[in-house]
Amino acid sequence: MEASALFITLHSRIQNTVSNGPGQRYAIWVQGCTLACEGCFNADTHSLKGARFPIDELADDIIATPTIEGVTISGGEPFQQMPALAHLVAAIRKRSSLSILIFTGFTREELLCISGADEVLSQIDVLIAGRFRQDLRVARGLVGSANKVIHFLSNRYTPGDLDSVPQSEIIIASDGTVTVTGINPLELRS
């Protein structure tokens, strides 16, 4: 398959969010995760079935979004779609100066055993790695549980930048759709 014909399986995306990384960001959640951490906030992203989206079209949309300083990729598990993730990260890096932050349930050591992951890591700014552990839940500074490790892979951000990210956010779209997001999302009750 040609790289330009690649697709990524998406769960959802938000074009402008402040609770998924430093500054205003474009956030995407991939669909599919076999790690299935107990207590995962995004358990509905675990199924491997989802909408396939053209990577180049997604990259175009990200790059064309005004006022953002970066993109956050979460899931599901982004590294379980390795060729698609690599293509998306390369397209963003080649055509913009946007920062890239990725959440993964894998440790950095585990990622280094996945073919192509080292190339992705060489192009991103922050990796937040490790399986979510409900018994170690902290939900602040973009870290869901205390075992998670933040890897600053460029000098673009500092720990203070991540600590200043709001823990949660409520976004109300023009069609009335309500989205609750962040590392410690609020629970809406009817």
C-alpha atoms as a PDB file:
ATOM      1  CA  MET A   1       0.000   0.000   0.000  1.00  0.00           C
ATOM      2  CA  GLU A   2       1.318   3.451  -0.851  1.00  0.00           C
ATOM      3  CA  ALA A   3       1.943   5.757   2.107  1.00  0.00           C
ATOM      4  CA  SER A   4      -0.432   8.351   0.651  1.00  0.00           C
ATOM      5  CA  ALA A   5      -3.215   5.758   0.708  1.00  0.00           C
ATOM      6  CA  LEU A   6      -2.755   4.940   4.398  1.00  0.00           C
ATOM      7  CA  PHE A   7      -5.633   5.172   6.826  1.00  0.00           C
ATOM      8  CA  ILE A   8      -5.750   5.470  10.590  1.00  0.00           C
ATOM      9  CA  THR A   9      -8.596   4.092  12.678  1.00  0.00           C
ATOM     10  CA  LEU A  10      -9.967   6.959  14.761  1.00  0.00           C
ATOM     11  CA  HIS A  11     -12.246   7.055  17.752  1.00  0.00           C
ATOM     12  CA  SER A  12     -12.626  10.824  17.930  1.00  0.00           C
ATOM     13  CA  ARG A  13     -10.889  14.162  17.568  1.00  0.00           C
ATOM     14  CA  ILE A  14     -11.147  17.687  18.936  1.00  0.00           C
ATOM     15  CA  GLN A  15      -9.775  20.536  16.875  1.00  0.00           C
ATOM     16  CA  ASN A  16      -9.148  22.867  19.784  1.00  0.00           C
ATOM     17  CA  THR A  17      -8.564  21.744  23.363  1.00  0.00           C
ATOM     18  CA  VAL A  18      -6.518  23.066  26.290  1.00  0.00           C
ATOM     19  CA  SER A  19      -6.683  20.026  28.598  1.00  0.00           C
ATOM     20  CA  ASN A  20      -4.790  17.516  26.460  1.00  0.00           C
ATOM     21  CA  GLY A  21      -1.375  19.133  26.470  1.00  0.00           C
ATOM     22  CA  PRO A  22       0.338  22.520  26.692  1.00  0.00           C
ATOM     23  CA  GLY A  23      -1.426  25.396  24.934  1.00  0.00           C
ATOM     24  CA  GLN A  24      -4.238  25.004  22.458  1.00  0.00           C
ATOM     25  CA  ARG A  25      -4.027  21.637  20.744  1.00  0.00           C
ATOM     26  CA  TYR A  26      -5.624  19.389  18.205  1.00  0.00           C
ATOM     27  CA  ALA A  27      -6.311  16.064  19.961  1.00  0.00           C
ATOM     28  CA  ILE A  28      -6.978  12.729  18.328  1.00  0.00           C
ATOM     29  CA  TRP A  29      -7.896   9.433  19.941  1.00  0.00           C
ATOM     30  CA  VAL A  30      -7.155   6.352  17.892  1.00  0.00           C
ATOM     31  CA  GLN A  31      -9.447   3.343  18.020  1.00  0.00           C
ATOM     32  CA  GLY A  32      -8.072   0.022  19.190  1.00  0.00           C
ATOM     33  CA  CYS A  33      -6.105  -1.111  22.222  1.00  0.00           C
ATOM     34  CA  THR A  34      -5.325  -4.642  23.311  1.00  0.00           C
ATOM     35  CA  LEU A  35      -3.708  -3.505  26.590  1.00  0.00           C
ATOM     36  CA  ALA A  36      -7.155  -2.809  28.120  1.00  0.00           C
ATOM     37  CA  CYS A  37      -5.908  -1.323  31.406  1.00  0.00           C
ATOM     38  CA  GLU A  38      -8.367  -1.774  34.268  1.00  0.00           C
ATOM     39  CA  GLY A  39     -10.131   1.511  35.024  1.00  0.00           C
ATOM     40  CA  CYS A  40      -9.194   3.107  31.694  1.00  0.00           C
ATOM     41  CA  PHE A  41     -11.204   6.288  31.118  1.00  0.00           C
ATOM     42  CA  ASN A  42     -11.229   5.593  27.380  1.00  0.00           C
ATOM     43  CA  ALA A  43     -12.435   1.976  27.498  1.00  0.00           C
ATOM     44  CA  ASP A  44     -14.707   2.595  24.514  1.00  0.00           C
ATOM     45  CA  THR A  45     -11.529   3.025  22.430  1.00  0.00           C
ATOM     46  CA  HIS A  46     -10.415  -0.574  23.069  1.00  0.00           C
ATOM     47  CA  SER A  47     -12.421  -2.269  20.300  1.00  0.00           C
ATOM     48  CA  LEU A  48     -10.382  -2.675  17.148  1.00  0.00           C
ATOM     49  CA  LYS A  49     -13.397  -1.687  15.025  1.00  0.00           C
ATOM     50  CA  GLY A  50     -13.784   1.959  14.127  1.00  0.00           C
ATOM     51  CA  ALA A  51     -13.909   4.583  11.414  1.00  0.00           C
ATOM     52  CA  ARG A  52     -10.943   4.551   9.059  1.00  0.00           C
ATOM     53  CA  PHE A  53      -9.741   8.037   8.171  1.00  0.00           C
ATOM     54  CA  PRO A  54      -7.227   9.033   5.463  1.00  0.00           C
ATOM     55  CA  ILE A  55      -4.003  10.067   7.189  1.00  0.00           C
ATOM     56  CA  ASP A  56      -3.110  12.781   4.693  1.00  0.00           C
ATOM     57  CA  GLU A  57      -6.569  14.334   5.102  1.00  0.00           C
ATOM     58  CA  LEU A  58      -6.182  14.247   8.888  1.00  0.00           C
ATOM     59  CA  ALA A  59      -2.718  15.840   8.649  1.00  0.00           C
ATOM     60  CA  ASP A  60      -4.122  18.553   6.358  1.00  0.00           C
ATOM     61  CA  ASP A  61      -6.884  19.310   8.873  1.00  0.00           C
ATOM     62  CA  ILE A  62      -4.456  19.451  11.792  1.00  0.00           C
ATOM     63  CA  ILE A  63      -2.022  21.739   9.997  1.00  0.00           C
ATOM     64  CA  ALA A  64      -4.814  24.030   8.759  1.00  0.00           C
ATOM     65  CA  THR A  65      -6.337  24.486  12.229  1.00  0.00           C
ATOM     66  CA  PRO A  66      -5.616  28.053  13.363  1.00  0.00           C
ATOM     67  CA  THR A  67      -4.402  29.000  16.853  1.00  0.00           C
ATOM     68  CA  ILE A  68      -3.078  25.556  17.859  1.00  0.00           C
ATOM     69  CA  GLU A  69       0.491  25.042  18.975  1.00  0.00           C
ATOM     70  CA  GLY A  70       0.469  21.290  18.778  1.00  0.00           C
ATOM     71  CA  VAL A  71      -1.222  17.940  18.410  1.00  0.00           C
ATOM     72  CA  THR A  72      -1.864  15.288  21.054  1.00  0.00           C
ATOM     73  CA  ILE A  73      -2.282  11.667  20.018  1.00  0.00           C
ATOM     74  CA  SER A  74      -3.922   9.282  22.453  1.00  0.00           C
ATOM     75  CA  GLY A  75      -6.220   6.340  22.322  1.00  0.00           C
ATOM     76  CA  GLY A  76      -6.765   3.501  22.247  1.00  0.00           C
ATOM     77  CA  GLU A  77      -3.130   2.685  21.688  1.00  0.00           C
ATOM     78  CA  PRO A  78      -1.410   4.781  18.999  1.00  0.00           C
ATOM     79  CA  PHE A  79       1.586   2.444  18.661  1.00  0.00           C
ATOM     80  CA  GLN A  80      -0.687  -0.487  17.782  1.00  0.00           C
ATOM     81  CA  GLN A  81      -1.268   1.362  14.493  1.00  0.00           C
ATOM     82  CA  MET A  82       2.453   1.790  13.911  1.00  0.00           C
ATOM     83  CA  PRO A  83       2.598   2.414  10.125  1.00  0.00           C
ATOM     84  CA  ALA A  84      -0.293   4.872  10.303  1.00  0.00           C
ATOM     85  CA  LEU A  85       1.152   6.644  13.351  1.00  0.00           C
ATOM     86  CA  ALA A  86       4.558   6.940  11.690  1.00  0.00           C
ATOM     87  CA  HIS A  87       3.018   8.399   8.538  1.00  0.00           C
ATOM     88  CA  LEU A  88       0.901  10.911  10.494  1.00  0.00           C
ATOM     89  CA  VAL A  89       3.789  12.085  12.692  1.00  0.00           C
ATOM     90  CA  ALA A  90       6.099  12.433   9.671  1.00  0.00           C
ATOM     91  CA  ALA A  91       3.488  14.440   7.741  1.00  0.00           C
ATOM     92  CA  ILE A  92       2.932  16.822  10.654  1.00  0.00           C
ATOM     93  CA  ARG A  93       6.657  17.231  11.311  1.00  0.00           C
ATOM     94  CA  LYS A  94       7.514  17.753   7.632  1.00  0.00           C
ATOM     95  CA  ARG A  95       4.864  20.397   7.009  1.00  0.00           C
ATOM     96  CA  SER A  96       4.625  22.332  10.276  1.00  0.00           C
ATOM     97  CA  SER A  97       6.332  23.440  13.464  1.00  0.00           C
ATOM     98  CA  LEU A  98       3.516  22.051  15.643  1.00  0.00           C
ATOM     99  CA  SER A  99       4.556  20.189  18.771  1.00  0.00           C
ATOM    100  CA  ILE A 100       3.624  16.529  19.074  1.00  0.00           C
ATOM    101  CA  LEU A 101       2.705  14.759  22.333  1.00  0.00           C
ATOM    102  CA  ILE A 102       1.783  11.070  22.447  1.00  0.00           C
ATOM    103  CA  PHE A 103       0.161   9.065  25.241  1.00  0.00           C
ATOM    104  CA  THR A 104       0.921   5.330  25.207  1.00  0.00           C
ATOM    105  CA  GLY A 105       0.309   2.375  27.485  1.00  0.00           C
ATOM    106  CA  PHE A 106       3.663   0.916  26.490  1.00  0.00           C
ATOM    107  CA  THR A 107       6.859   1.741  28.329  1.00  0.00           C
ATOM    108  CA  ARG A 108       9.623   3.381  26.324  1.00  0.00           C
ATOM    109  CA  GLU A 109      11.609   0.147  26.547  1.00  0.00           C
ATOM    110  CA  GLU A 110       8.672  -1.810  25.092  1.00  0.00           C
ATOM    111  CA  LEU A 111       8.330   0.738  22.292  1.00  0.00           C
ATOM    112  CA  LEU A 112      11.941   0.244  21.274  1.00  0.00           C
ATOM    113  CA  CYS A 113      11.015  -3.376  20.444  1.00  0.00           C
ATOM    114  CA  ILE A 114       8.291  -2.245  17.997  1.00  0.00           C
ATOM    115  CA  SER A 115       9.554  -1.807  14.453  1.00  0.00           C
ATOM    116  CA  GLY A 116       9.465   1.877  13.473  1.00  0.00           C
ATOM    117  CA  ALA A 117       8.727   3.240  16.945  1.00  0.00           C
ATOM    118  CA  ASP A 118      12.225   4.698  17.285  1.00  0.00           C
ATOM    119  CA  GLU A 119      11.592   6.823  14.171  1.00  0.00           C
ATOM    120  CA  VAL A 120       8.333   8.143  15.674  1.00  0.00           C
ATOM    121  CA  LEU A 121      10.082   8.913  18.970  1.00  0.00           C
ATOM    122  CA  SER A 122      12.767  10.886  17.118  1.00  0.00           C
ATOM    123  CA  GLN A 123      10.092  13.236  15.748  1.00  0.00           C
ATOM    124  CA  ILE A 124       7.957  13.975  18.820  1.00  0.00           C
ATOM    125  CA  ASP A 125       8.364  16.352  21.743  1.00  0.00           C
ATOM    126  CA  VAL A 126       6.776  14.485  24.651  1.00  0.00           C
ATOM    127  CA  LEU A 127       5.949  10.842  25.289  1.00  0.00           C
ATOM    128  CA  ILE A 128       3.811   9.910  28.286  1.00  0.00           C
ATOM    129  CA  ALA A 129       4.384   6.174  28.694  1.00  0.00           C
ATOM    130  CA  GLY A 130       3.208   3.244  30.769  1.00  0.00           C
ATOM    131  CA  ARG A 131       0.011   1.356  31.444  1.00  0.00           C
ATOM    132  CA  PHE A 132      -2.663   3.072  33.492  1.00  0.00           C
ATOM    133  CA  ARG A 133      -2.840   1.641  37.011  1.00  0.00           C
ATOM    134  CA  GLN A 134      -6.047   2.445  38.834  1.00  0.00           C
ATOM    135  CA  ASP A 135      -4.438   1.710  42.216  1.00  0.00           C
ATOM    136  CA  LEU A 136      -1.832   4.443  41.494  1.00  0.00           C
ATOM    137  CA  ARG A 137      -4.254   7.022  40.028  1.00  0.00           C
ATOM    138  CA  VAL A 138      -3.108  10.655  40.364  1.00  0.00           C
ATOM    139  CA  ALA A 139      -4.817  12.366  37.364  1.00  0.00           C
ATOM    140  CA  ARG A 140      -2.782  15.587  37.244  1.00  0.00           C
ATOM    141  CA  GLY A 141      -0.012  17.079  35.155  1.00  0.00           C
ATOM    142  CA  LEU A 142      -1.172  14.885  32.236  1.00  0.00           C
ATOM    143  CA  VAL A 143      -0.307  11.752  34.232  1.00  0.00           C
ATOM    144  CA  GLY A 144      -3.139   9.322  34.879  1.00  0.00           C
ATOM    145  CA  SER A 145      -1.247   7.113  37.341  1.00  0.00           C
ATOM    146  CA  ALA A 146       1.977   7.464  39.314  1.00  0.00           C
ATOM    147  CA  ASN A 147       3.804   4.754  37.352  1.00  0.00           C
ATOM    148  CA  LYS A 148       3.547   6.740  34.105  1.00  0.00           C
ATOM    149  CA  VAL A 149       6.826   8.218  32.885  1.00  0.00           C
ATOM    150  CA  ILE A 150       7.067  11.517  31.030  1.00  0.00           C
ATOM    151  CA  HIS A 151       9.839  11.555  28.443  1.00  0.00           C
ATOM    152  CA  PHE A 152      10.795  15.019  27.190  1.00  0.00           C
ATOM    153  CA  LEU A 153      12.228  14.166  23.770  1.00  0.00           C
ATOM    154  CA  SER A 154      12.921  17.772  22.775  1.00  0.00           C
ATOM    155  CA  ASN A 155      13.532  20.970  24.722  1.00  0.00           C
ATOM    156  CA  ARG A 156      10.164  22.443  23.727  1.00  0.00           C
ATOM    157  CA  TYR A 157       8.406  21.785  27.042  1.00  0.00           C
ATOM    158  CA  THR A 158       9.253  21.523  30.735  1.00  0.00           C
ATOM    159  CA  PRO A 159       7.557  19.702  33.620  1.00  0.00           C
ATOM    160  CA  GLY A 160       6.018  23.053  34.594  1.00  0.00           C
ATOM    161  CA  ASP A 161       4.351  23.310  31.183  1.00  0.00           C
ATOM    162  CA  LEU A 162       2.617  19.977  31.749  1.00  0.00           C
ATOM    163  CA  ASP A 163       1.699  20.822  35.352  1.00  0.00           C
ATOM    164  CA  SER A 164      -0.118  23.939  34.133  1.00  0.00           C
ATOM    165  CA  VAL A 165      -2.466  21.998  31.826  1.00  0.00           C
ATOM    166  CA  PRO A 166      -6.061  22.064  33.155  1.00  0.00           C
ATOM    167  CA  GLN A 167      -7.183  18.686  34.522  1.00  0.00           C
ATOM    168  CA  SER A 168     -10.503  18.788  32.686  1.00  0.00           C
ATOM    169  CA  GLU A 169     -12.486  20.711  30.136  1.00  0.00           C
ATOM    170  CA  ILE A 170     -16.063  20.818  28.897  1.00  0.00           C
ATOM    171  CA  ILE A 171     -16.495  21.677  25.224  1.00  0.00           C
ATOM    172  CA  ILE A 172     -19.927  22.544  23.842  1.00  0.00           C
ATOM    173  CA  ALA A 173     -20.050  22.394  20.044  1.00  0.00           C
ATOM    174  CA  SER A 174     -22.273  24.617  17.923  1.00  0.00           C
ATOM    175  CA  ASP A 175     -24.641  21.641  17.408  1.00  0.00           C
ATOM    176  CA  GLY A 176     -25.008  21.249  21.187  1.00  0.00           C
ATOM    177  CA  THR A 177     -22.753  18.205  21.496  1.00  0.00           C
ATOM    178  CA  VAL A 178     -21.017  18.188  24.880  1.00  0.00           C
ATOM    179  CA  THR A 179     -17.520  16.710  25.143  1.00  0.00           C
ATOM    180  CA  VAL A 180     -15.778  16.203  28.477  1.00  0.00           C
ATOM    181  CA  THR A 181     -12.035  15.672  28.194  1.00  0.00           C
ATOM    182  CA  GLY A 182      -8.784  15.900  30.124  1.00  0.00           C
ATOM    183  CA  ILE A 183      -6.664  13.769  32.436  1.00  0.00           C
ATOM    184  CA  ASN A 184      -9.254  14.087  35.222  1.00  0.00           C
ATOM    185  CA  PRO A 185     -12.525  14.672  33.375  1.00  0.00           C
ATOM    186  CA  LEU A 186     -15.572  15.898  35.210  1.00  0.00           C
ATOM    187  CA  GLU A 187     -18.549  13.590  35.508  1.00  0.00           C
ATOM    188  CA  LEU A 188     -21.722  15.087  34.105  1.00  0.00           C
ATOM    189  CA  ARG A 189     -24.927  13.937  35.733  1.00  0.00           C
ATOM    190  CA  SER A 190     -28.373  14.374  34.255  1.00  0.00           C
END
